[in-house]
């Protein structure tokens, strides 16, 4: 998983030079794949009987999308968002390699100086950030997803 991240960071650096903007753009591109994949799968695997029932009671396409399809798809969409954001947090130290500041500075300088404590602090903070982001997205998705229409498989 690290090789595509490094490749995207390198391409971003080649096209947009060194710095924060190229690092930000690379992280956005890295997170798009799990979000897009889960969103596609969510809408591709909807329960057709519920859509047919919505048509049967006279809902138009707009109502079917917002009242039936989207609530069914949201759990999987949120899991893609969680995966993308957590992958971003895990990739965040690598942006130091293209000239952006962050926890990677602590980790890579600690590696260079053979300072175990510095590497441990930087990697522990990265892991804590990943756990915090996961908890925040989980709590947000718990309250954002309707409990009534989602199916359990």
N, C-alpha and C. Protein backbone atom coordinates (compact mmCIF):
# COMPACT_ATOMS: atom_id res chain seq x y z
N UNK A 1 0.82 -1.21 0.00
CA UNK A 1 0.00 0.00 0.00
C UNK A 1 0.86 1.26 0.00
N UNK A 2 2.10 1.18 0.43
CA UNK A 2 2.95 2.37 0.50
C UNK A 2 3.47 2.79 -0.87
N UNK A 3 3.66 1.86 -1.77
CA UNK A 3 4.23 2.20 -3.08
C UNK A 3 3.31 3.12 -3.87
N UNK A 4 2.00 2.86 -3.97
CA UNK A 4 1.15 3.81 -4.68
C UNK A 4 1.13 5.19 -4.00
N UNK A 5 1.20 5.22 -2.68
CA UNK A 5 1.24 6.49 -1.97
C UNK A 5 2.49 7.28 -2.35
N UNK A 6 3.62 6.61 -2.34
CA UNK A 6 4.86 7.29 -2.72
C UNK A 6 4.83 7.72 -4.18
N UNK A 7 4.22 6.90 -5.05
CA UNK A 7 4.13 7.27 -6.46
C UNK A 7 3.25 8.51 -6.64
N UNK A 8 2.12 8.56 -5.95
CA UNK A 8 1.24 9.73 -6.05
C UNK A 8 1.93 10.96 -5.49
N UNK A 9 2.64 10.81 -4.39
CA UNK A 9 3.39 11.95 -3.83
C UNK A 9 4.47 12.43 -4.80
N UNK A 10 5.17 11.50 -5.42
CA UNK A 10 6.22 11.88 -6.37
C UNK A 10 5.62 12.58 -7.59
N UNK A 11 4.52 12.07 -8.13
CA UNK A 11 3.89 12.72 -9.28
C UNK A 11 3.36 14.10 -8.91
N UNK A 12 2.79 14.21 -7.74
CA UNK A 12 2.30 15.51 -7.28
C UNK A 12 3.44 16.51 -7.15
N UNK A 13 4.56 16.04 -6.65
CA UNK A 13 5.72 16.91 -6.50
C UNK A 13 6.26 17.33 -7.87
N UNK A 14 6.25 16.41 -8.84
CA UNK A 14 6.74 16.74 -10.18
C UNK A 14 5.88 17.80 -10.86
N UNK A 15 4.54 17.67 -10.70
CA UNK A 15 3.64 18.60 -11.38
C UNK A 15 3.42 19.91 -10.64
N UNK A 16 3.48 19.88 -9.31
CA UNK A 16 3.12 21.08 -8.55
C UNK A 16 4.23 21.55 -7.62
N UNK A 17 5.44 21.07 -7.80
CA UNK A 17 6.59 21.49 -7.03
C UNK A 17 6.52 21.00 -5.58
N UNK A 18 7.45 21.41 -4.80
CA UNK A 18 7.55 20.98 -3.41
C UNK A 18 6.69 21.89 -2.54
N UNK A 19 6.04 21.30 -1.54
CA UNK A 19 5.32 22.13 -0.58
C UNK A 19 3.96 21.58 -0.19
N UNK A 20 3.23 22.43 0.50
CA UNK A 20 1.96 22.04 1.10
C UNK A 20 0.91 21.69 0.06
N UNK A 21 0.79 22.50 -1.01
CA UNK A 21 -0.26 22.27 -2.00
C UNK A 21 -0.11 20.91 -2.67
N UNK A 22 1.09 20.56 -3.07
CA UNK A 22 1.28 19.26 -3.73
C UNK A 22 1.02 18.11 -2.75
N UNK A 23 1.39 18.29 -1.49
CA UNK A 23 1.12 17.25 -0.48
C UNK A 23 -0.38 17.11 -0.25
N UNK A 24 -1.08 18.23 -0.14
CA UNK A 24 -2.53 18.21 0.06
C UNK A 24 -3.23 17.54 -1.11
N UNK A 25 -2.84 17.90 -2.31
CA UNK A 25 -3.44 17.30 -3.51
C UNK A 25 -3.19 15.80 -3.57
N UNK A 26 -1.98 15.38 -3.24
CA UNK A 26 -1.67 13.95 -3.25
C UNK A 26 -2.50 13.20 -2.22
N UNK A 27 -2.68 13.76 -1.04
CA UNK A 27 -3.48 13.09 -0.02
C UNK A 27 -4.95 13.00 -0.43
N UNK A 28 -5.46 14.02 -1.10
CA UNK A 28 -6.84 13.97 -1.60
C UNK A 28 -6.97 12.86 -2.64
N UNK A 29 -6.02 12.78 -3.55
CA UNK A 29 -6.07 11.74 -4.58
C UNK A 29 -5.94 10.34 -3.99
N UNK A 30 -5.13 10.20 -2.95
CA UNK A 30 -4.95 8.90 -2.30
C UNK A 30 -6.25 8.44 -1.65
N UNK A 31 -6.98 9.37 -1.06
CA UNK A 31 -8.20 8.99 -0.34
C UNK A 31 -9.40 8.75 -1.26
N UNK A 32 -9.31 9.18 -2.51
CA UNK A 32 -10.46 9.02 -3.41
C UNK A 32 -10.77 7.57 -3.76
N UNK A 33 -9.78 6.72 -3.85
CA UNK A 33 -10.02 5.33 -4.29
C UNK A 33 -10.92 4.56 -3.34
N UNK A 34 -10.64 4.50 -2.04
CA UNK A 34 -11.57 3.73 -1.18
C UNK A 34 -12.96 4.36 -1.11
N UNK A 35 -13.03 5.68 -1.18
CA UNK A 35 -14.34 6.34 -1.14
C UNK A 35 -15.13 6.01 -2.41
N UNK A 36 -14.49 6.12 -3.57
CA UNK A 36 -15.18 5.84 -4.83
C UNK A 36 -15.57 4.37 -4.94
N UNK A 37 -14.68 3.47 -4.53
CA UNK A 37 -14.97 2.04 -4.60
C UNK A 37 -16.16 1.67 -3.71
N UNK A 38 -16.16 2.16 -2.48
CA UNK A 38 -17.27 1.83 -1.57
C UNK A 38 -18.57 2.48 -2.01
N UNK A 39 -18.50 3.70 -2.54
CA UNK A 39 -19.71 4.36 -3.02
C UNK A 39 -20.30 3.61 -4.21
N UNK A 40 -19.45 3.19 -5.13
CA UNK A 40 -19.93 2.40 -6.28
C UNK A 40 -20.57 1.10 -5.81
N UNK A 41 -19.90 0.39 -4.91
CA UNK A 41 -20.45 -0.87 -4.42
C UNK A 41 -21.75 -0.66 -3.65
N UNK A 42 -21.84 0.45 -2.91
CA UNK A 42 -23.04 0.73 -2.14
C UNK A 42 -24.25 0.91 -3.05
N UNK A 43 -24.09 1.69 -4.10
CA UNK A 43 -25.21 1.94 -5.00
C UNK A 43 -25.45 0.79 -5.97
N UNK A 44 -24.43 -0.02 -6.20
CA UNK A 44 -24.58 -1.17 -7.09
C UNK A 44 -25.30 -2.33 -6.41
N UNK A 45 -25.26 -2.40 -5.08
CA UNK A 45 -25.84 -3.53 -4.35
C UNK A 45 -27.06 -3.12 -3.53
N UNK A 46 -27.84 -2.19 -4.04
CA UNK A 46 -29.05 -1.78 -3.33
C UNK A 46 -30.10 -2.88 -3.40
N UNK A 47 -30.99 -2.87 -2.43
CA UNK A 47 -32.07 -3.85 -2.39
C UNK A 47 -33.13 -3.47 -3.42
N UNK A 48 -33.26 -4.22 -4.52
CA UNK A 48 -34.20 -3.84 -5.58
C UNK A 48 -35.66 -3.90 -5.14
N UNK A 49 -35.98 -4.72 -4.15
CA UNK A 49 -37.37 -4.80 -3.71
C UNK A 49 -37.82 -3.50 -3.04
N UNK A 50 -36.91 -2.82 -2.34
CA UNK A 50 -37.27 -1.55 -1.72
C UNK A 50 -37.44 -0.46 -2.76
N UNK A 51 -36.63 -0.49 -3.80
CA UNK A 51 -36.77 0.49 -4.88
C UNK A 51 -38.07 0.26 -5.64
N UNK A 52 -38.39 -1.00 -5.86
CA UNK A 52 -39.64 -1.33 -6.54
C UNK A 52 -40.85 -0.92 -5.69
N UNK A 53 -40.74 -1.11 -4.40
CA UNK A 53 -41.83 -0.70 -3.50
C UNK A 53 -42.00 0.82 -3.50
N UNK A 54 -40.89 1.54 -3.57
CA UNK A 54 -40.97 3.00 -3.62
C UNK A 54 -41.64 3.46 -4.91
N UNK A 55 -41.32 2.79 -6.02
CA UNK A 55 -41.99 3.11 -7.28
C UNK A 55 -43.48 2.78 -7.20
N UNK A 56 -43.78 1.69 -6.52
CA UNK A 56 -45.16 1.25 -6.40
C UNK A 56 -46.04 2.20 -5.60
N UNK A 57 -45.44 2.92 -4.64
CA UNK A 57 -46.25 3.88 -3.87
C UNK A 57 -46.23 5.27 -4.49
N UNK A 58 -45.62 5.38 -5.67
CA UNK A 58 -45.71 6.62 -6.43
C UNK A 58 -44.59 7.62 -6.22
N UNK A 59 -43.45 7.19 -5.70
CA UNK A 59 -42.32 8.12 -5.53
C UNK A 59 -41.69 8.42 -6.89
N UNK A 60 -41.25 9.68 -7.06
CA UNK A 60 -40.51 10.01 -8.27
C UNK A 60 -39.03 9.67 -8.06
N UNK A 61 -38.22 9.84 -9.11
CA UNK A 61 -36.81 9.44 -9.04
C UNK A 61 -36.04 10.21 -7.96
N UNK A 62 -36.35 11.49 -7.80
CA UNK A 62 -35.70 12.31 -6.78
C UNK A 62 -36.00 11.75 -5.38
N UNK A 63 -37.26 11.44 -5.12
CA UNK A 63 -37.65 10.89 -3.82
C UNK A 63 -37.04 9.51 -3.60
N UNK A 64 -37.01 8.69 -4.64
CA UNK A 64 -36.43 7.36 -4.51
C UNK A 64 -34.95 7.47 -4.14
N UNK A 65 -34.24 8.39 -4.79
CA UNK A 65 -32.81 8.52 -4.49
C UNK A 65 -32.59 8.98 -3.05
N UNK A 66 -33.26 10.06 -2.64
CA UNK A 66 -32.99 10.63 -1.32
C UNK A 66 -33.67 9.90 -0.17
N UNK A 67 -34.77 9.22 -0.42
CA UNK A 67 -35.49 8.57 0.67
C UNK A 67 -35.28 7.06 0.75
N UNK A 68 -34.79 6.45 -0.34
CA UNK A 68 -34.61 4.99 -0.34
C UNK A 68 -33.16 4.61 -0.63
N UNK A 69 -32.64 5.05 -1.78
CA UNK A 69 -31.31 4.60 -2.19
C UNK A 69 -30.19 5.17 -1.31
N UNK A 70 -30.21 6.46 -1.08
CA UNK A 70 -29.14 7.07 -0.28
C UNK A 70 -29.10 6.53 1.14
N UNK A 71 -30.20 6.40 1.85
CA UNK A 71 -30.11 5.81 3.19
C UNK A 71 -29.59 4.37 3.20
N UNK A 72 -29.90 3.60 2.15
CA UNK A 72 -29.36 2.24 2.07
C UNK A 72 -27.86 2.25 1.82
N UNK A 73 -27.39 3.22 1.04
CA UNK A 73 -25.98 3.26 0.65
C UNK A 73 -25.07 3.91 1.69
N UNK A 74 -25.62 4.75 2.54
CA UNK A 74 -24.78 5.52 3.47
C UNK A 74 -23.85 4.70 4.35
N UNK A 75 -24.24 3.55 4.90
CA UNK A 75 -23.28 2.82 5.73
C UNK A 75 -22.00 2.44 4.98
N UNK A 76 -22.14 1.98 3.76
CA UNK A 76 -20.96 1.60 2.98
C UNK A 76 -20.18 2.83 2.51
N UNK A 77 -20.89 3.91 2.19
CA UNK A 77 -20.21 5.14 1.80
C UNK A 77 -19.37 5.67 2.98
N UNK A 78 -19.95 5.65 4.17
CA UNK A 78 -19.20 6.12 5.34
C UNK A 78 -18.02 5.21 5.65
N UNK A 79 -18.14 3.92 5.39
CA UNK A 79 -16.99 3.05 5.62
C UNK A 79 -15.86 3.37 4.63
N UNK A 80 -16.20 3.76 3.42
CA UNK A 80 -15.18 4.20 2.47
C UNK A 80 -14.53 5.50 2.89
N UNK A 81 -15.33 6.42 3.43
CA UNK A 81 -14.78 7.68 3.93
C UNK A 81 -13.84 7.41 5.10
N UNK A 82 -14.27 6.52 6.00
CA UNK A 82 -13.41 6.17 7.14
C UNK A 82 -12.10 5.57 6.66
N UNK A 83 -12.18 4.64 5.70
CA UNK A 83 -10.97 3.99 5.20
C UNK A 83 -10.05 5.01 4.52
N UNK A 84 -10.63 5.89 3.71
CA UNK A 84 -9.82 6.90 3.02
C UNK A 84 -9.15 7.86 3.99
N UNK A 85 -9.88 8.31 4.99
CA UNK A 85 -9.30 9.25 5.95
C UNK A 85 -8.23 8.59 6.82
N UNK A 86 -8.48 7.36 7.23
CA UNK A 86 -7.48 6.67 8.05
C UNK A 86 -6.23 6.38 7.21
N UNK A 87 -6.42 6.03 5.96
CA UNK A 87 -5.27 5.82 5.08
C UNK A 87 -4.49 7.12 4.89
N UNK A 88 -5.22 8.25 4.81
CA UNK A 88 -4.57 9.55 4.72
C UNK A 88 -3.74 9.85 5.95
N UNK A 89 -4.29 9.59 7.12
CA UNK A 89 -3.56 9.85 8.36
C UNK A 89 -2.31 8.97 8.41
N UNK A 90 -2.43 7.73 7.97
CA UNK A 90 -1.26 6.86 7.92
C UNK A 90 -0.22 7.32 6.91
N UNK A 91 -0.67 7.97 5.85
CA UNK A 91 0.25 8.47 4.82
C UNK A 91 0.79 9.86 5.15
N UNK A 92 0.22 10.49 6.12
CA UNK A 92 0.60 11.86 6.46
C UNK A 92 2.09 12.05 6.74
N UNK A 93 2.75 11.14 7.46
CA UNK A 93 4.20 11.35 7.67
C UNK A 93 5.01 11.35 6.38
N UNK A 94 4.50 10.72 5.33
CA UNK A 94 5.26 10.66 4.07
C UNK A 94 5.33 11.99 3.34
N UNK A 95 4.44 12.94 3.68
CA UNK A 95 4.48 14.22 2.97
C UNK A 95 5.73 15.01 3.31
N UNK A 96 6.42 14.61 4.37
CA UNK A 96 7.71 15.24 4.68
C UNK A 96 8.70 15.03 3.54
N UNK A 97 8.55 13.92 2.83
CA UNK A 97 9.47 13.60 1.75
C UNK A 97 9.35 14.54 0.56
N UNK A 98 8.23 15.27 0.45
CA UNK A 98 8.09 16.22 -0.65
C UNK A 98 8.06 17.66 -0.14
N UNK A 99 8.60 17.87 1.04
CA UNK A 99 8.82 19.23 1.50
C UNK A 99 7.73 19.85 2.35
N UNK A 100 6.72 19.10 2.74
CA UNK A 100 5.68 19.65 3.61
C UNK A 100 6.01 19.26 5.06
N UNK A 101 5.60 20.10 5.97
CA UNK A 101 5.88 19.83 7.38
C UNK A 101 4.81 18.92 7.96
N UNK A 102 5.18 18.19 8.99
CA UNK A 102 4.24 17.32 9.66
C UNK A 102 4.97 16.37 10.59
N UNK A 103 4.27 15.33 11.00
CA UNK A 103 4.88 14.36 11.91
C UNK A 103 5.98 13.55 11.25
N UNK A 104 5.99 13.52 9.94
CA UNK A 104 7.06 12.84 9.24
C UNK A 104 8.42 13.44 9.52
N UNK A 105 8.41 14.74 9.79
CA UNK A 105 9.67 15.41 10.13
C UNK A 105 10.26 14.81 11.40
N UNK A 106 9.43 14.59 12.40
CA UNK A 106 9.89 14.00 13.66
C UNK A 106 10.37 12.57 13.41
N UNK A 107 9.60 11.81 12.66
CA UNK A 107 9.92 10.40 12.44
C UNK A 107 11.19 10.24 11.61
N UNK A 108 11.28 10.94 10.47
CA UNK A 108 12.43 10.76 9.58
C UNK A 108 13.71 11.33 10.18
N UNK A 109 13.63 12.44 10.88
CA UNK A 109 14.83 12.97 11.55
C UNK A 109 15.25 12.02 12.67
N UNK A 110 14.27 11.46 13.39
CA UNK A 110 14.60 10.47 14.42
C UNK A 110 15.26 9.24 13.83
N UNK A 111 14.79 8.80 12.68
CA UNK A 111 15.44 7.67 12.01
C UNK A 111 16.86 8.01 11.60
N UNK A 112 17.03 9.21 11.09
CA UNK A 112 18.36 9.64 10.63
C UNK A 112 19.35 9.76 11.78
N UNK A 113 18.84 10.23 12.94
CA UNK A 113 19.71 10.41 14.11
C UNK A 113 19.78 9.17 15.00
N UNK A 114 19.08 8.14 14.61
CA UNK A 114 19.01 6.91 15.41
C UNK A 114 18.43 7.18 16.80
N UNK A 115 17.44 8.06 16.85
CA UNK A 115 16.79 8.44 18.10
C UNK A 115 15.46 7.69 18.21
N UNK A 116 15.48 6.59 18.96
CA UNK A 116 14.31 5.74 19.09
C UNK A 116 13.13 6.48 19.72
N UNK A 117 13.40 7.31 20.70
CA UNK A 117 12.32 8.04 21.39
C UNK A 117 11.61 8.98 20.42
N UNK A 118 12.34 9.66 19.57
CA UNK A 118 11.75 10.59 18.61
C UNK A 118 10.89 9.85 17.59
N UNK A 119 11.38 8.71 17.11
CA UNK A 119 10.60 7.90 16.18
C UNK A 119 9.34 7.37 16.86
N UNK A 120 9.47 6.93 18.10
CA UNK A 120 8.32 6.41 18.85
C UNK A 120 7.27 7.50 19.08
N UNK A 121 7.70 8.71 19.40
CA UNK A 121 6.76 9.81 19.62
C UNK A 121 6.02 10.14 18.32
N UNK A 122 6.74 10.28 17.22
CA UNK A 122 6.11 10.61 15.95
C UNK A 122 5.16 9.53 15.47
N UNK A 123 5.56 8.28 15.58
CA UNK A 123 4.69 7.20 15.12
C UNK A 123 3.52 6.99 16.07
N UNK A 124 3.71 7.21 17.36
CA UNK A 124 2.60 7.09 18.31
C UNK A 124 1.57 8.18 18.08
N UNK A 125 2.02 9.38 17.82
CA UNK A 125 1.09 10.47 17.53
C UNK A 125 0.31 10.21 16.24
N UNK A 126 0.98 9.65 15.26
CA UNK A 126 0.29 9.30 14.01
C UNK A 126 -0.77 8.24 14.27
N UNK A 127 -0.43 7.22 15.05
CA UNK A 127 -1.40 6.17 15.37
C UNK A 127 -2.56 6.73 16.18
N UNK A 128 -2.29 7.62 17.14
CA UNK A 128 -3.37 8.23 17.92
C UNK A 128 -4.29 9.08 17.05
N UNK A 129 -3.70 9.79 16.09
CA UNK A 129 -4.53 10.57 15.16
C UNK A 129 -5.42 9.67 14.33
N UNK A 130 -4.89 8.54 13.89
CA UNK A 130 -5.71 7.60 13.10
C UNK A 130 -6.86 7.06 13.93
N UNK A 131 -6.61 6.72 15.18
CA UNK A 131 -7.67 6.22 16.05
C UNK A 131 -8.70 7.32 16.31
N UNK A 132 -8.23 8.55 16.54
CA UNK A 132 -9.15 9.66 16.79
C UNK A 132 -10.03 9.94 15.57
N UNK A 133 -9.45 9.94 14.38
CA UNK A 133 -10.23 10.16 13.16
C UNK A 133 -11.24 9.04 12.98
N UNK A 134 -10.84 7.80 13.25
CA UNK A 134 -11.76 6.67 13.13
C UNK A 134 -12.94 6.82 14.09
N UNK A 135 -12.67 7.21 15.32
CA UNK A 135 -13.74 7.38 16.31
C UNK A 135 -14.67 8.53 15.91
N UNK A 136 -14.10 9.63 15.46
CA UNK A 136 -14.92 10.79 15.07
C UNK A 136 -15.83 10.44 13.90
N UNK A 137 -15.30 9.79 12.88
CA UNK A 137 -16.12 9.42 11.72
C UNK A 137 -17.16 8.37 12.12
N UNK A 138 -16.79 7.44 13.00
CA UNK A 138 -17.75 6.44 13.45
C UNK A 138 -18.91 7.08 14.21
N UNK A 139 -18.62 8.01 15.10
CA UNK A 139 -19.67 8.69 15.86
C UNK A 139 -20.55 9.52 14.92
N UNK A 140 -19.92 10.23 13.98
CA UNK A 140 -20.68 11.03 13.02
C UNK A 140 -21.59 10.15 12.18
N UNK A 141 -21.07 9.03 11.69
CA UNK A 141 -21.88 8.14 10.86
C UNK A 141 -22.98 7.48 11.67
N UNK A 142 -22.75 7.22 12.95
CA UNK A 142 -23.78 6.63 13.80
C UNK A 142 -25.01 7.53 13.88
N UNK A 143 -24.78 8.83 13.97
CA UNK A 143 -25.89 9.77 14.06
C UNK A 143 -26.43 10.20 12.70
N UNK A 144 -25.64 10.07 11.65
CA UNK A 144 -26.07 10.51 10.32
C UNK A 144 -26.86 9.46 9.56
N UNK A 145 -26.69 8.20 9.91
CA UNK A 145 -27.33 7.12 9.16
C UNK A 145 -28.66 6.76 9.82
N UNK A 146 -29.69 6.73 9.02
CA UNK A 146 -31.02 6.35 9.50
C UNK A 146 -31.03 4.88 9.91
N UNK A 147 -31.67 4.60 11.01
CA UNK A 147 -31.75 3.22 11.48
C UNK A 147 -32.95 2.48 10.88
N UNK A 148 -33.86 3.20 10.23
CA UNK A 148 -35.10 2.60 9.80
C UNK A 148 -35.04 1.83 8.49
N UNK A 149 -34.31 2.33 7.50
CA UNK A 149 -34.42 1.73 6.17
C UNK A 149 -33.22 0.88 5.80
N UNK A 150 -32.12 0.99 6.53
CA UNK A 150 -30.94 0.22 6.16
C UNK A 150 -31.19 -1.26 6.42
N UNK A 151 -30.69 -2.07 5.53
CA UNK A 151 -30.91 -3.50 5.66
C UNK A 151 -29.73 -4.15 6.38
N UNK A 152 -29.96 -5.25 7.00
CA UNK A 152 -28.92 -5.96 7.74
C UNK A 152 -28.65 -7.26 7.02
N UNK A 153 -27.40 -7.45 6.63
CA UNK A 153 -26.98 -8.70 5.97
C UNK A 153 -25.84 -9.29 6.73
